Amino acid sequence: MRDVQEIQSKFPTLWHVLGEEYVEFLKSEQGALANRATINPFFAILYEPSNIRESEMLEQCFKSALENNSISVDRLKKFRNEKQHTNIQNFINELLTLSPVFDAGHFLDETNEGATPDFIAEINGTSIVFECVSVNEAEDAIKEKNRNILDTGKQHKSWKKDNPEGGVFTVVREHDPYGTHRIEKIIEKIRKKKSSRQVKEFELKVLVMSFRNMLFAGSRECLPNTSNHVDGINSGIIYHAFYGKQGDLIFSGNSFEGANHQINILESDGKFRRESEYNLCILHFETGVNETYKKYVFFENFGNPMPIEILNKLCDAFSPYDTHSVLKKYVAT
C-alpha cells in the first residue's frame, strides 16, 4: 500500500480534491472490503500492484477536467460525502468517457436531487448535450472482482518479503464474467433509457454508455455476430440493443465445441429502430494497454441523424474504433 507522502506526490490533483482526512479514511476502511459488493473507486490510489494504471488515469482525468474548467473543485469534492460507491464509480466513468471533449464544454449544474451530471459542449457553434449511463455488473460479480484485487495486493506483499532483491511478480486470474452475461437485462436497460427533462430544450443529444465495469463487454459486442472455432456464433449484445429487429435470432456461445447453441428471439426492436430523441450513442469500454483504439464505438440514429460536420468533429475528438456512418475520411481508399 502506498503511504500518504507517496499519494500526495504522485496524485497531486486527487490529493487536492480528496484531502488528507479522506485519504486516511480510505486506509482505515480497507479491512472488510472483500465482503462488500462495491468498494470506493478511490482505493485505486492506495494499491500499487493491481491498480497503477487506474490510479494514474484518475489523476490525469481530474487534472484535465479542472484545467479545462469542465467542472468545479467543489463539484468534485461533493463525492467525498457520497455513500454509494457505485455512484462514485458511475461519476468517474462519466469523467473518463467525456475527457476528449473537456476543451469544448462543461458539466451542467444539477437541477434536482440525484440528477445525472450531464455535459454540454459547443461544437461548430452548436450546443450538444451529453447524457451518461453506466452499465454495471451484478452484485456477486463485483464482490468477486473486489476479492481478486485484495488477494493480488496480499500476494504481492508476501512476494516482496520472499524476494527482497526484486524480480518479476505475476498473478493468474480467470477472466470470467461471473454470471454477468445477462443479455436481456442489458438490452432492456439500453432500450428504456430516455432523455431527461432537463435537456429537452436542446436539439442535439448524445447518449454516452460506459461499459467499463462489465468484464465481458468489449467493442466486439457492437458487431451483429462474431464467431470462432470453439464457441461458434455469438450475437453482439449491444448491436442488437440498438439495431436488432423484433424476431431476430440471438446466438449465445456454446462454450464447448460441438455443443448446442442457446438461441433466443429478440422480443422487440432495438433502440435506434424506434423513435428516439438521441442522435448518437457513444459507447465506452475498458481496454488493454495495447488496445486503447477500441475504447470508443459510435452508433448513429439513422432516423434522427447528427449533422455530418458535427459528427466529423466528434470523430476527431474521440477517434472511435468503428462508426456506423459511411464517412469518406474513415474509409480506406
C-alpha atoms as a PDB file:
ATOM      1  CA  MET A   1       0.000   0.000   0.000  1.00  0.00           C
ATOM      2  CA  ARG A   2       1.246   3.493  -0.801  1.00  0.00           C
ATOM      3  CA  ASP A   3       1.915   5.786   2.116  1.00  0.00           C
ATOM      4  CA  VAL A   4       0.385   9.249   2.416  1.00  0.00           C
ATOM      5  CA  GLN A   5       3.514  11.055   1.200  1.00  0.00           C
ATOM      6  CA  GLU A   6       3.663   8.932  -1.952  1.00  0.00           C
ATOM      7  CA  ILE A   7      -0.013   9.542  -2.703  1.00  0.00           C
ATOM      8  CA  GLN A   8       0.433  13.287  -2.247  1.00  0.00           C
ATOM      9  CA  SER A   9       3.450  13.267  -4.569  1.00  0.00           C
ATOM     10  CA  LYS A  10       2.061  11.016  -7.322  1.00  0.00           C
ATOM     11  CA  PHE A  11      -1.526  12.259  -7.347  1.00  0.00           C
ATOM     12  CA  PRO A  12      -1.492  15.993  -6.508  1.00  0.00           C
ATOM     13  CA  THR A  13      -4.876  16.697  -8.119  1.00  0.00           C
ATOM     14  CA  LEU A  14      -6.634  13.827  -6.363  1.00  0.00           C
ATOM     15  CA  TRP A  15      -4.922  14.838  -3.125  1.00  0.00           C
ATOM     16  CA  HIS A  16      -6.209  18.394  -3.560  1.00  0.00           C
ATOM     17  CA  VAL A  17      -9.758  17.193  -4.261  1.00  0.00           C
ATOM     18  CA  LEU A  18      -9.951  14.412  -1.659  1.00  0.00           C
ATOM     19  CA  GLY A  19      -7.778  15.851   1.116  1.00  0.00           C
ATOM     20  CA  GLU A  20      -5.620  14.113   3.718  1.00  0.00           C
ATOM     21  CA  GLU A  21      -8.522  13.297   6.029  1.00  0.00           C
ATOM     22  CA  TYR A  22     -10.361  11.462   3.237  1.00  0.00           C
ATOM     23  CA  VAL A  23      -7.252   9.509   2.215  1.00  0.00           C
ATOM     24  CA  GLU A  24      -6.682   8.428   5.825  1.00  0.00           C
ATOM     25  CA  PHE A  25     -10.320   7.364   5.970  1.00  0.00           C
ATOM     26  CA  LEU A  26      -9.804   5.218   2.857  1.00  0.00           C
ATOM     27  CA  LYS A  27      -6.872   3.470   4.512  1.00  0.00           C
ATOM     28  CA  SER A  28      -8.882   2.753   7.647  1.00  0.00           C
ATOM     29  CA  GLU A  29     -11.710   1.200   5.619  1.00  0.00           C
ATOM     30  CA  GLN A  30      -9.649  -1.448   3.859  1.00  0.00           C
ATOM     31  CA  GLY A  31     -10.301  -4.302   6.290  1.00  0.00           C
ATOM     32  CA  ALA A  32     -13.732  -5.524   5.196  1.00  0.00           C
ATOM     33  CA  LEU A  33     -13.558  -4.657   1.502  1.00  0.00           C
ATOM     34  CA  ALA A  34     -13.704  -8.176   0.157  1.00  0.00           C
ATOM     35  CA  ASN A  35     -17.155  -8.725   1.658  1.00  0.00           C
ATOM     36  CA  ARG A  36     -18.710  -5.685   0.041  1.00  0.00           C
ATOM     37  CA  ALA A  37     -20.464  -5.621  -3.301  1.00  0.00           C
ATOM     38  CA  THR A  38     -18.863  -2.304  -4.181  1.00  0.00           C
ATOM     39  CA  ILE A  39     -15.788  -0.562  -2.876  1.00  0.00           C
ATOM     40  CA  ASN A  40     -14.782   3.056  -3.108  1.00  0.00           C
ATOM     41  CA  PRO A  41     -13.102   3.521  -6.528  1.00  0.00           C
ATOM     42  CA  PHE A  42     -10.625   5.943  -4.968  1.00  0.00           C
ATOM     43  CA  PHE A  43      -8.996   2.924  -3.305  1.00  0.00           C
ATOM     44  CA  ALA A  44      -7.067   2.682  -6.583  1.00  0.00           C
ATOM     45  CA  ILE A  45      -4.649   5.322  -5.300  1.00  0.00           C
ATOM     46  CA  LEU A  46      -3.743   3.139  -2.310  1.00  0.00           C
ATOM     47  CA  TYR A  47      -2.737  -0.083  -4.062  1.00  0.00           C
ATOM     48  CA  GLU A  48       0.177  -0.042  -6.459  1.00  0.00           C
ATOM     49  CA  PRO A  49       0.472  -3.544  -7.986  1.00  0.00           C
ATOM     50  CA  SER A  50      -3.032  -4.089  -9.352  1.00  0.00           C
ATOM     51  CA  ASN A  51      -4.265  -0.519  -9.780  1.00  0.00           C
ATOM     52  CA  ILE A  52      -1.363   1.554 -11.057  1.00  0.00           C
ATOM     53  CA  ARG A  53      -2.963   2.200 -14.454  1.00  0.00           C
ATOM     54  CA  GLU A  54      -6.339   3.048 -12.934  1.00  0.00           C
ATOM     55  CA  SER A  55      -4.897   5.460 -10.357  1.00  0.00           C
ATOM     56  CA  GLU A  56      -2.783   7.297 -12.926  1.00  0.00           C
ATOM     57  CA  MET A  57      -5.802   7.551 -15.224  1.00  0.00           C
ATOM     58  CA  LEU A  58      -7.892   9.052 -12.409  1.00  0.00           C
ATOM     59  CA  GLU A  59      -5.219  11.655 -11.675  1.00  0.00           C
ATOM     60  CA  GLN A  60      -4.877  12.681 -15.326  1.00  0.00           C
ATOM     61  CA  CYS A  61      -8.649  12.873 -15.837  1.00  0.00           C
ATOM     62  CA  PHE A  62      -9.286  15.023 -12.755  1.00  0.00           C
ATOM     63  CA  LYS A  63      -6.372  17.275 -13.707  1.00  0.00           C
ATOM     64  CA  SER A  64      -7.653  17.718 -17.267  1.00  0.00           C
ATOM     65  CA  ALA A  65     -11.209  18.448 -16.072  1.00  0.00           C
ATOM     66  CA  LEU A  66     -10.006  21.220 -13.769  1.00  0.00           C
ATOM     67  CA  GLU A  67      -7.531  22.715 -16.236  1.00  0.00           C
ATOM     68  CA  ASN A  68     -10.258  22.976 -18.883  1.00  0.00           C
ATOM     69  CA  ASN A  69     -12.824  24.358 -16.398  1.00  0.00           C
ATOM     70  CA  SER A  70     -15.121  21.466 -17.285  1.00  0.00           C
ATOM     71  CA  ILE A  71     -16.075  21.007 -13.647  1.00  0.00           C
ATOM     72  CA  SER A  72     -15.503  22.876 -10.420  1.00  0.00           C
ATOM     73  CA  VAL A  73     -13.406  21.709  -7.495  1.00  0.00           C
ATOM     74  CA  ASP A  74     -16.486  21.998  -5.289  1.00  0.00           C
ATOM     75  CA  ARG A  75     -18.401  19.664  -7.603  1.00  0.00           C
ATOM     76  CA  LEU A  76     -15.608  17.116  -7.430  1.00  0.00           C
ATOM     77  CA  LYS A  77     -15.330  17.386  -3.667  1.00  0.00           C
ATOM     78  CA  LYS A  78     -19.008  16.596  -3.149  1.00  0.00           C
ATOM     79  CA  PHE A  79     -18.235  12.970  -3.952  1.00  0.00           C
ATOM     80  CA  ARG A  80     -16.241  12.686  -0.755  1.00  0.00           C
ATOM     81  CA  ASN A  81     -19.597  12.612   1.007  1.00  0.00           C
ATOM     82  CA  GLU A  82     -21.237  10.173  -1.410  1.00  0.00           C
ATOM     83  CA  LYS A  83     -22.153   6.988   0.460  1.00  0.00           C
ATOM     84  CA  GLN A  84     -22.996   4.851  -2.563  1.00  0.00           C
ATOM     85  CA  HIS A  85     -19.741   3.670  -4.089  1.00  0.00           C
ATOM     86  CA  THR A  86     -21.495   2.691  -7.306  1.00  0.00           C
ATOM     87  CA  ASN A  87     -22.500   6.340  -7.738  1.00  0.00           C
ATOM     88  CA  ILE A  88     -18.862   7.383  -7.350  1.00  0.00           C
ATOM     89  CA  GLN A  89     -17.794   4.830  -9.952  1.00  0.00           C
ATOM     90  CA  ASN A  90     -20.510   5.970 -12.348  1.00  0.00           C
ATOM     91  CA  PHE A  91     -19.376   9.573 -11.979  1.00  0.00           C
ATOM     92  CA  ILE A  92     -15.745   8.590 -12.604  1.00  0.00           C
ATOM     93  CA  ASN A  93     -16.884   6.719 -15.708  1.00  0.00           C
ATOM     94  CA  GLU A  94     -18.533   9.911 -16.952  1.00  0.00           C
ATOM     95  CA  LEU A  95     -15.354  11.913 -16.415  1.00  0.00           C
ATOM     96  CA  LEU A  96     -13.193   9.336 -18.173  1.00  0.00           C
ATOM     97  CA  THR A  97     -15.619   8.894 -21.060  1.00  0.00           C
ATOM     98  CA  LEU A  98     -16.110  12.600 -21.782  1.00  0.00           C
ATOM     99  CA  SER A  99     -12.478  13.670 -21.318  1.00  0.00           C
ATOM    100  CA  PRO A 100     -11.952  14.021 -25.127  1.00  0.00           C
ATOM    101  CA  VAL A 101     -14.369  16.994 -25.174  1.00  0.00           C
ATOM    102  CA  PHE A 102     -13.306  18.713 -21.940  1.00  0.00           C
ATOM    103  CA  ASP A 103     -11.849  21.556 -24.000  1.00  0.00           C
ATOM    104  CA  ALA A 104     -15.224  22.155 -25.658  1.00  0.00           C
ATOM    105  CA  GLY A 105     -17.670  22.024 -22.765  1.00  0.00           C
ATOM    106  CA  HIS A 106     -18.551  21.521 -19.117  1.00  0.00           C
ATOM    107  CA  PHE A 107     -20.792  19.573 -16.772  1.00  0.00           C
ATOM    108  CA  LEU A 108     -24.183  21.138 -16.120  1.00  0.00           C
ATOM    109  CA  ASP A 109     -25.320  22.078 -12.627  1.00  0.00           C
ATOM    110  CA  GLU A 110     -27.694  19.571 -11.108  1.00  0.00           C
ATOM    111  CA  THR A 111     -31.315  20.661 -11.212  1.00  0.00           C
ATOM    112  CA  ASN A 112     -32.744  18.138  -8.784  1.00  0.00           C
ATOM    113  CA  GLU A 113     -31.509  15.673  -6.222  1.00  0.00           C
ATOM    114  CA  GLY A 114     -29.888  12.623  -7.737  1.00  0.00           C
ATOM    115  CA  ALA A 115     -29.802  14.010 -11.299  1.00  0.00           C
ATOM    116  CA  THR A 116     -27.099  12.657 -13.562  1.00  0.00           C
ATOM    117  CA  PRO A 117     -24.354  15.240 -14.081  1.00  0.00           C
ATOM    118  CA  ASP A 118     -24.891  15.878 -17.798  1.00  0.00           C
ATOM    119  CA  PHE A 119     -22.352  17.594 -20.024  1.00  0.00           C
ATOM    120  CA  ILE A 120     -22.822  20.288 -22.656  1.00  0.00           C
ATOM    121  CA  ALA A 121     -20.359  21.154 -25.412  1.00  0.00           C
ATOM    122  CA  GLU A 122     -20.176  23.808 -28.106  1.00  0.00           C
ATOM    123  CA  ILE A 123     -19.115  22.285 -31.429  1.00  0.00           C
ATOM    124  CA  ASN A 124     -19.186  24.330 -34.627  1.00  0.00           C
ATOM    125  CA  GLY A 125     -21.189  26.951 -32.747  1.00  0.00           C
ATOM    126  CA  THR A 126     -23.901  24.419 -31.859  1.00  0.00           C
ATOM    127  CA  SER A 127     -24.835  23.259 -28.356  1.00  0.00           C
ATOM    128  CA  ILE A 128     -24.781  19.493 -27.878  1.00  0.00           C
ATOM    129  CA  VAL A 129     -25.857  17.817 -24.656  1.00  0.00           C
ATOM    130  CA  PHE A 130     -24.370  14.510 -23.490  1.00  0.00           C
ATOM    131  CA  GLU A 131     -26.197  12.185 -21.119  1.00  0.00           C
ATOM    132  CA  CYS A 132     -24.288   9.397 -19.407  1.00  0.00           C
ATOM    133  CA  VAL A 133     -25.254   5.897 -18.319  1.00  0.00           C
ATOM    134  CA  SER A 134     -23.002   3.293 -16.697  1.00  0.00           C
ATOM    135  CA  VAL A 135     -23.888  -0.362 -17.210  1.00  0.00           C
ATOM    136  CA  ASN A 136     -22.772  -2.227 -14.095  1.00  0.00           C
ATOM    137  CA  GLU A 137     -22.148  -5.830 -13.189  1.00  0.00           C
ATOM    138  CA  ALA A 138     -24.283  -7.910 -10.883  1.00  0.00           C
ATOM    139  CA  GLU A 139     -23.529  -7.605  -7.171  1.00  0.00           C
ATOM    140  CA  ASP A 140     -21.919 -11.052  -6.890  1.00  0.00           C
ATOM    141  CA  ALA A 141     -19.626 -10.279  -9.825  1.00  0.00           C
ATOM    142  CA  ILE A 142     -18.420  -7.059  -8.224  1.00  0.00           C
ATOM    143  CA  LYS A 143     -17.737  -8.838  -4.924  1.00  0.00           C
ATOM    144  CA  GLU A 144     -15.666 -11.446  -6.734  1.00  0.00           C
ATOM    145  CA  LYS A 145     -13.678  -8.790  -8.567  1.00  0.00           C
ATOM    146  CA  ASN A 146     -13.034  -6.930  -5.299  1.00  0.00           C
ATOM    147  CA  ARG A 147     -11.739 -10.113  -3.699  1.00  0.00           C
ATOM    148  CA  ASN A 148      -9.366 -10.600  -6.610  1.00  0.00           C
ATOM    149  CA  ILE A 149      -7.986  -7.076  -6.178  1.00  0.00           C
ATOM    150  CA  LEU A 150      -7.360  -7.598  -2.473  1.00  0.00           C
ATOM    151  CA  ASP A 151      -5.880 -11.060  -2.989  1.00  0.00           C
ATOM    152  CA  THR A 152      -3.459  -9.633  -5.538  1.00  0.00           C
ATOM    153  CA  GLY A 153      -2.332  -6.996  -3.040  1.00  0.00           C
ATOM    154  CA  LYS A 154      -1.770  -9.614  -0.341  1.00  0.00           C
ATOM    155  CA  GLN A 155       0.147 -11.894  -2.696  1.00  0.00           C
ATOM    156  CA  HIS A 156       2.348  -9.022  -3.817  1.00  0.00           C
ATOM    157  CA  LYS A 157       3.124  -8.070  -0.216  1.00  0.00           C
ATOM    158  CA  SER A 158       4.097 -11.666   0.586  1.00  0.00           C
ATOM    159  CA  TRP A 159       6.138 -11.921  -2.621  1.00  0.00           C
ATOM    160  CA  LYS A 160       8.169  -8.811  -1.717  1.00  0.00           C
ATOM    161  CA  LYS A 161       9.120 -10.399   1.625  1.00  0.00           C
ATOM    162  CA  ASP A 162      10.317 -13.555  -0.144  1.00  0.00           C
ATOM    163  CA  ASN A 163      12.097 -11.594  -2.893  1.00  0.00           C
ATOM    164  CA  PRO A 164      13.875  -8.678  -1.199  1.00  0.00           C
ATOM    165  CA  GLU A 165      16.137  -8.169  -4.225  1.00  0.00           C
ATOM    166  CA  GLY A 166      13.183  -7.786  -6.596  1.00  0.00           C
ATOM    167  CA  GLY A 167      12.207  -9.727  -9.671  1.00  0.00           C
ATOM    168  CA  VAL A 168       9.013 -10.304 -11.631  1.00  0.00           C
ATOM    169  CA  PHE A 169       5.709 -10.592  -9.776  1.00  0.00           C
ATOM    170  CA  THR A 170       2.939 -12.395 -11.645  1.00  0.00           C
ATOM    171  CA  VAL A 171      -0.560 -13.498 -10.752  1.00  0.00           C
ATOM    172  CA  VAL A 172      -3.089 -15.513 -12.749  1.00  0.00           C
ATOM    173  CA  ARG A 173      -6.821 -14.829 -12.638  1.00  0.00           C
ATOM    174  CA  GLU A 174      -9.543 -16.345 -14.747  1.00  0.00           C
ATOM    175  CA  HIS A 175     -11.186 -13.729 -16.928  1.00  0.00           C
ATOM    176  CA  ASP A 176     -14.743 -14.741 -16.327  1.00  0.00           C
ATOM    177  CA  PRO A 177     -17.950 -12.679 -16.347  1.00  0.00           C
ATOM    178  CA  TYR A 178     -19.064 -14.302 -13.063  1.00  0.00           C
ATOM    179  CA  GLY A 179     -22.577 -14.747 -14.362  1.00  0.00           C
ATOM    180  CA  THR A 180     -22.988 -11.167 -15.587  1.00  0.00           C
ATOM    181  CA  HIS A 181     -23.823 -12.172 -19.152  1.00  0.00           C
ATOM    182  CA  ARG A 182     -27.485 -11.206 -18.723  1.00  0.00           C
ATOM    183  CA  ILE A 183     -28.317 -10.329 -22.294  1.00  0.00           C
ATOM    184  CA  GLU A 184     -31.971  -9.498 -21.802  1.00  0.00           C
ATOM    185  CA  LYS A 185     -31.298  -7.143 -18.859  1.00  0.00           C
ATOM    186  CA  ILE A 186     -28.572  -5.231 -20.675  1.00  0.00           C
ATOM    187  CA  ILE A 187     -30.654  -4.856 -23.832  1.00  0.00           C
ATOM    188  CA  GLU A 188     -33.675  -3.730 -21.833  1.00  0.00           C
ATOM    189  CA  LYS A 189     -31.681  -1.109 -19.901  1.00  0.00           C
ATOM    190  CA  ILE A 190     -30.382   0.367 -23.139  1.00  0.00           C
ATOM    191  CA  ARG A 191     -33.782   0.376 -24.811  1.00  0.00           C
ATOM    192  CA  LYS A 192     -35.551   2.075 -21.901  1.00  0.00           C
ATOM    193  CA  LYS A 193     -33.084   4.955 -21.447  1.00  0.00           C
ATOM    194  CA  LYS A 194     -34.908   8.178 -22.326  1.00  0.00           C
ATOM    195  CA  SER A 195     -33.585  11.729 -22.365  1.00  0.00           C
ATOM    196  CA  SER A 196     -34.246  13.569 -19.099  1.00  0.00           C
ATOM    197  CA  ARG A 197     -36.458  16.612 -18.824  1.00  0.00           C
ATOM    198  CA  GLN A 198     -33.511  18.891 -18.094  1.00  0.00           C
ATOM    199  CA  VAL A 199     -32.186  18.511 -21.653  1.00  0.00           C
ATOM    200  CA  LYS A 200     -35.438  18.584 -23.632  1.00  0.00           C
ATOM    201  CA  GLU A 201     -34.677  22.094 -24.867  1.00  0.00           C
ATOM    202  CA  PHE A 202     -31.524  21.009 -26.702  1.00  0.00           C
ATOM    203  CA  GLU A 203     -31.867  19.954 -30.314  1.00  0.00           C
ATOM    204  CA  LEU A 204     -28.849  17.648 -30.467  1.00  0.00           C
ATOM    205  CA  LYS A 205     -28.437  14.912 -27.866  1.00  0.00           C
ATOM    206  CA  VAL A 206     -25.752  12.266 -27.400  1.00  0.00           C
ATOM    207  CA  LEU A 207     -26.253   9.214 -25.211  1.00  0.00           C
ATOM    208  CA  VAL A 208     -22.994   8.053 -23.617  1.00  0.00           C
ATOM    209  CA  MET A 209     -22.903   4.493 -22.301  1.00  0.00           C
ATOM    210  CA  SER A 210     -19.912   3.270 -20.316  1.00  0.00           C
ATOM    211  CA  PHE A 211     -19.285  -0.469 -20.074  1.00  0.00           C
ATOM    212  CA  ARG A 212     -16.020  -0.073 -18.114  1.00  0.00           C
ATOM    213  CA  ASN A 213     -17.434  -2.068 -15.189  1.00  0.00           C
ATOM    214  CA  MET A 214     -18.527  -5.023 -17.323  1.00  0.00           C
ATOM    215  CA  LEU A 215     -15.712  -7.569 -17.516  1.00  0.00           C
ATOM    216  CA  PHE A 216     -17.058  -9.403 -20.553  1.00  0.00           C
ATOM    217  CA  ALA A 217     -18.149  -6.382 -22.619  1.00  0.00           C
ATOM    218  CA  GLY A 218     -15.905  -5.144 -25.397  1.00  0.00           C
ATOM    219  CA  SER A 219     -16.254  -3.476 -28.757  1.00  0.00           C
ATOM    220  CA  ARG A 220     -16.883  -6.915 -30.334  1.00  0.00           C
ATOM    221  CA  GLU A 221     -20.378  -6.750 -28.781  1.00  0.00           C
ATOM    222  CA  CYS A 222     -21.080  -3.886 -31.217  1.00  0.00           C
ATOM    223  CA  LEU A 223     -20.943  -6.291 -34.176  1.00  0.00           C
ATOM    224  CA  PRO A 224     -24.091  -8.152 -35.338  1.00  0.00           C
ATOM    225  CA  ASN A 225     -22.375 -11.528 -34.904  1.00  0.00           C
ATOM    226  CA  THR A 226     -18.914 -12.921 -34.251  1.00  0.00           C
ATOM    227  CA  SER A 227     -17.626 -16.475 -34.437  1.00  0.00           C
ATOM    228  CA  ASN A 228     -14.659 -18.693 -33.681  1.00  0.00           C
ATOM    229  CA  HIS A 229     -13.894 -22.394 -33.995  1.00  0.00           C
ATOM    230  CA  VAL A 230     -14.596 -23.094 -30.313  1.00  0.00           C
ATOM    231  CA  ASP A 231     -17.680 -21.082 -29.356  1.00  0.00           C
ATOM    232  CA  GLY A 232     -19.322 -20.912 -32.751  1.00  0.00           C
ATOM    233  CA  ILE A 233     -21.608 -17.931 -33.397  1.00  0.00           C
ATOM    234  CA  ASN A 234     -22.094 -15.177 -30.810  1.00  0.00           C
ATOM    235  CA  SER A 235     -24.559 -12.332 -31.334  1.00  0.00           C
ATOM    236  CA  GLY A 236     -23.414  -8.856 -30.354  1.00  0.00           C
ATOM    237  CA  ILE A 237     -25.484  -7.837 -27.328  1.00  0.00           C
ATOM    238  CA  ILE A 238     -25.016  -4.110 -27.769  1.00  0.00           C
ATOM    239  CA  TYR A 239     -25.582  -4.161 -31.522  1.00  0.00           C
ATOM    240  CA  HIS A 240     -28.960  -5.849 -31.120  1.00  0.00           C
ATOM    241  CA  ALA A 241     -29.954  -3.490 -28.312  1.00  0.00           C
ATOM    242  CA  PHE A 242     -29.727  -0.629 -30.816  1.00  0.00           C
ATOM    243  CA  TYR A 243     -30.238  -2.106 -34.290  1.00  0.00           C
ATOM    244  CA  GLY A 244     -31.858  -5.502 -33.762  1.00  0.00           C
ATOM    245  CA  LYS A 245     -35.295  -6.234 -35.195  1.00  0.00           C
ATOM    246  CA  GLN A 246     -38.119  -7.975 -33.391  1.00  0.00           C
ATOM    247  CA  GLY A 247     -37.917 -11.682 -34.176  1.00  0.00           C
ATOM    248  CA  ASP A 248     -34.156 -11.713 -34.826  1.00  0.00           C
ATOM    249  CA  LEU A 249     -32.306 -14.791 -33.608  1.00  0.00           C
ATOM    250  CA  ILE A 250     -29.797 -14.141 -30.813  1.00  0.00           C
ATOM    251  CA  PHE A 251     -26.981 -16.699 -30.532  1.00  0.00           C
ATOM    252  CA  SER A 252     -25.095 -17.339 -27.306  1.00  0.00           C
ATOM    253  CA  GLY A 253     -21.732 -19.096 -27.382  1.00  0.00           C
ATOM    254  CA  ASN A 254     -21.890 -22.826 -26.688  1.00  0.00           C
ATOM    255  CA  SER A 255     -18.684 -22.848 -24.556  1.00  0.00           C
ATOM    256  CA  PHE A 256     -17.763 -26.336 -25.795  1.00  0.00           C
ATOM    257  CA  GLU A 257     -17.055 -27.329 -29.368  1.00  0.00           C
ATOM    258  CA  GLY A 258     -19.901 -29.401 -30.740  1.00  0.00           C
ATOM    259  CA  ALA A 259     -22.418 -28.417 -28.034  1.00  0.00           C
ATOM    260  CA  ASN A 260     -25.773 -26.920 -28.914  1.00  0.00           C
ATOM    261  CA  HIS A 261     -26.122 -23.154 -29.037  1.00  0.00           C
ATOM    262  CA  GLN A 262     -28.554 -21.307 -26.848  1.00  0.00           C
ATOM    263  CA  ILE A 263     -30.780 -19.370 -29.237  1.00  0.00           C
ATOM    264  CA  ASN A 264     -33.220 -16.664 -28.166  1.00  0.00           C
ATOM    265  CA  ILE A 265     -35.589 -14.500 -30.176  1.00  0.00           C
ATOM    266  CA  LEU A 266     -35.436 -10.724 -29.835  1.00  0.00           C
ATOM    267  CA  GLU A 267     -38.733  -9.600 -28.349  1.00  0.00           C
ATOM    268  CA  SER A 268     -38.757  -6.009 -29.665  1.00  0.00           C
ATOM    269  CA  ASP A 269     -36.949  -3.635 -31.999  1.00  0.00           C
ATOM    270  CA  GLY A 270     -33.697  -2.044 -30.910  1.00  0.00           C
ATOM    271  CA  LYS A 271     -33.453   1.478 -29.582  1.00  0.00           C
ATOM    272  CA  PHE A 272     -32.487   3.149 -32.858  1.00  0.00           C
ATOM    273  CA  ARG A 273     -35.071   1.212 -34.890  1.00  0.00           C
ATOM    274  CA  ARG A 274     -37.719   3.030 -32.909  1.00  0.00           C
ATOM    275  CA  GLU A 275     -38.299   6.735 -32.403  1.00  0.00           C
ATOM    276  CA  SER A 276     -35.540   8.181 -30.210  1.00  0.00           C
ATOM    277  CA  GLU A 277     -34.517  11.719 -29.305  1.00  0.00           C
ATOM    278  CA  TYR A 278     -30.848  10.775 -29.271  1.00  0.00           C
ATOM    279  CA  ASN A 279     -28.887  11.487 -32.454  1.00  0.00           C
ATOM    280  CA  LEU A 280     -25.889   9.408 -31.478  1.00  0.00           C
ATOM    281  CA  CYS A 281     -24.658   6.947 -28.861  1.00  0.00           C
ATOM    282  CA  ILE A 282     -21.015   6.905 -27.830  1.00  0.00           C
ATOM    283  CA  LEU A 283     -20.099   3.529 -26.336  1.00  0.00           C
ATOM    284  CA  HIS A 284     -17.126   3.389 -23.975  1.00  0.00           C
ATOM    285  CA  PHE A 285     -15.175   0.259 -22.980  1.00  0.00           C
ATOM    286  CA  GLU A 286     -12.310  -0.732 -20.731  1.00  0.00           C
ATOM    287  CA  THR A 287      -9.422  -1.879 -22.922  1.00  0.00           C
ATOM    288  CA  GLY A 288      -5.986  -3.396 -22.566  1.00  0.00           C
ATOM    289  CA  VAL A 289      -2.896  -1.217 -22.812  1.00  0.00           C
ATOM    290  CA  ASN A 290      -2.343  -2.258 -26.435  1.00  0.00           C
ATOM    291  CA  GLU A 291      -5.990  -1.938 -27.487  1.00  0.00           C
ATOM    292  CA  THR A 292      -6.890   1.604 -26.481  1.00  0.00           C
ATOM    293  CA  TYR A 293      -8.024   2.221 -30.063  1.00  0.00           C
ATOM    294  CA  LYS A 294     -11.045   0.044 -29.223  1.00  0.00           C
ATOM    295  CA  LYS A 295     -12.136   2.316 -26.379  1.00  0.00           C
ATOM    296  CA  TYR A 296     -14.956   4.082 -28.264  1.00  0.00           C
ATOM    297  CA  VAL A 297     -17.584   2.995 -30.781  1.00  0.00           C
ATOM    298  CA  PHE A 298     -20.176   5.315 -32.346  1.00  0.00           C
ATOM    299  CA  PHE A 299     -23.740   4.154 -33.010  1.00  0.00           C
ATOM    300  CA  GLU A 300     -25.798   6.569 -35.058  1.00  0.00           C
ATOM    301  CA  ASN A 301     -29.539   7.057 -35.135  1.00  0.00           C
ATOM    302  CA  PHE A 302     -30.254   6.979 -38.851  1.00  0.00           C
ATOM    303  CA  GLY A 303     -33.818   8.152 -38.258  1.00  0.00           C
ATOM    304  CA  ASN A 304     -32.612  11.232 -36.349  1.00  0.00           C
ATOM    305  CA  PRO A 305     -29.029  11.767 -37.527  1.00  0.00           C
ATOM    306  CA  MET A 306     -26.364  14.103 -36.203  1.00  0.00           C
ATOM    307  CA  PRO A 307     -25.301  16.784 -38.743  1.00  0.00           C
ATOM    308  CA  ILE A 308     -22.342  15.394 -40.652  1.00  0.00           C
ATOM    309  CA  GLU A 309     -19.998  18.302 -39.886  1.00  0.00           C
ATOM    310  CA  ILE A 310     -20.567  17.875 -36.137  1.00  0.00           C
ATOM    311  CA  LEU A 311     -20.250  14.112 -36.388  1.00  0.00           C
ATOM    312  CA  ASN A 312     -16.877  14.596 -38.093  1.00  0.00           C
ATOM    313  CA  LYS A 313     -15.729  16.823 -35.206  1.00  0.00           C
ATOM    314  CA  LEU A 314     -16.803  14.225 -32.658  1.00  0.00           C
ATOM    315  CA  CYS A 315     -14.947  11.541 -34.592  1.00  0.00           C
ATOM    316  CA  ASP A 316     -11.843  13.722 -34.498  1.00  0.00           C
ATOM    317  CA  ALA A 317     -12.178  14.117 -30.724  1.00  0.00           C
ATOM    318  CA  PHE A 318     -12.980  10.531 -29.729  1.00  0.00           C
ATOM    319  CA  SER A 319     -11.249   8.583 -32.549  1.00  0.00           C
ATOM    320  CA  PRO A 320     -13.865   5.800 -32.493  1.00  0.00           C
ATOM    321  CA  TYR A 321     -12.833   2.269 -33.354  1.00  0.00           C
ATOM    322  CA  ASP A 322     -15.901   1.993 -35.539  1.00  0.00           C
ATOM    323  CA  THR A 323     -18.807   4.140 -36.613  1.00  0.00           C
ATOM    324  CA  HIS A 324     -21.919   3.103 -38.462  1.00  0.00           C
ATOM    325  CA  SER A 325     -21.613   6.049 -40.869  1.00  0.00           C
ATOM    326  CA  VAL A 326     -20.004   5.724 -44.250  1.00  0.00           C
ATOM    327  CA  LEU A 327     -17.657   8.656 -43.677  1.00  0.00           C
ATOM    328  CA  LYS A 328     -15.203   9.125 -46.534  1.00  0.00           C
ATOM    329  CA  LYS A 329     -12.465  10.308 -44.219  1.00  0.00           C
ATOM    330  CA  TYR A 330     -12.592   6.997 -42.300  1.00  0.00           C
ATOM    331  CA  VAL A 331     -12.924   4.649 -45.273  1.00  0.00           C
ATOM    332  CA  ALA A 332      -9.747   3.232 -46.790  1.00  0.00           C
ATOM    333  CA  THR A 333      -9.366   4.034 -50.484  1.00  0.00           C
END
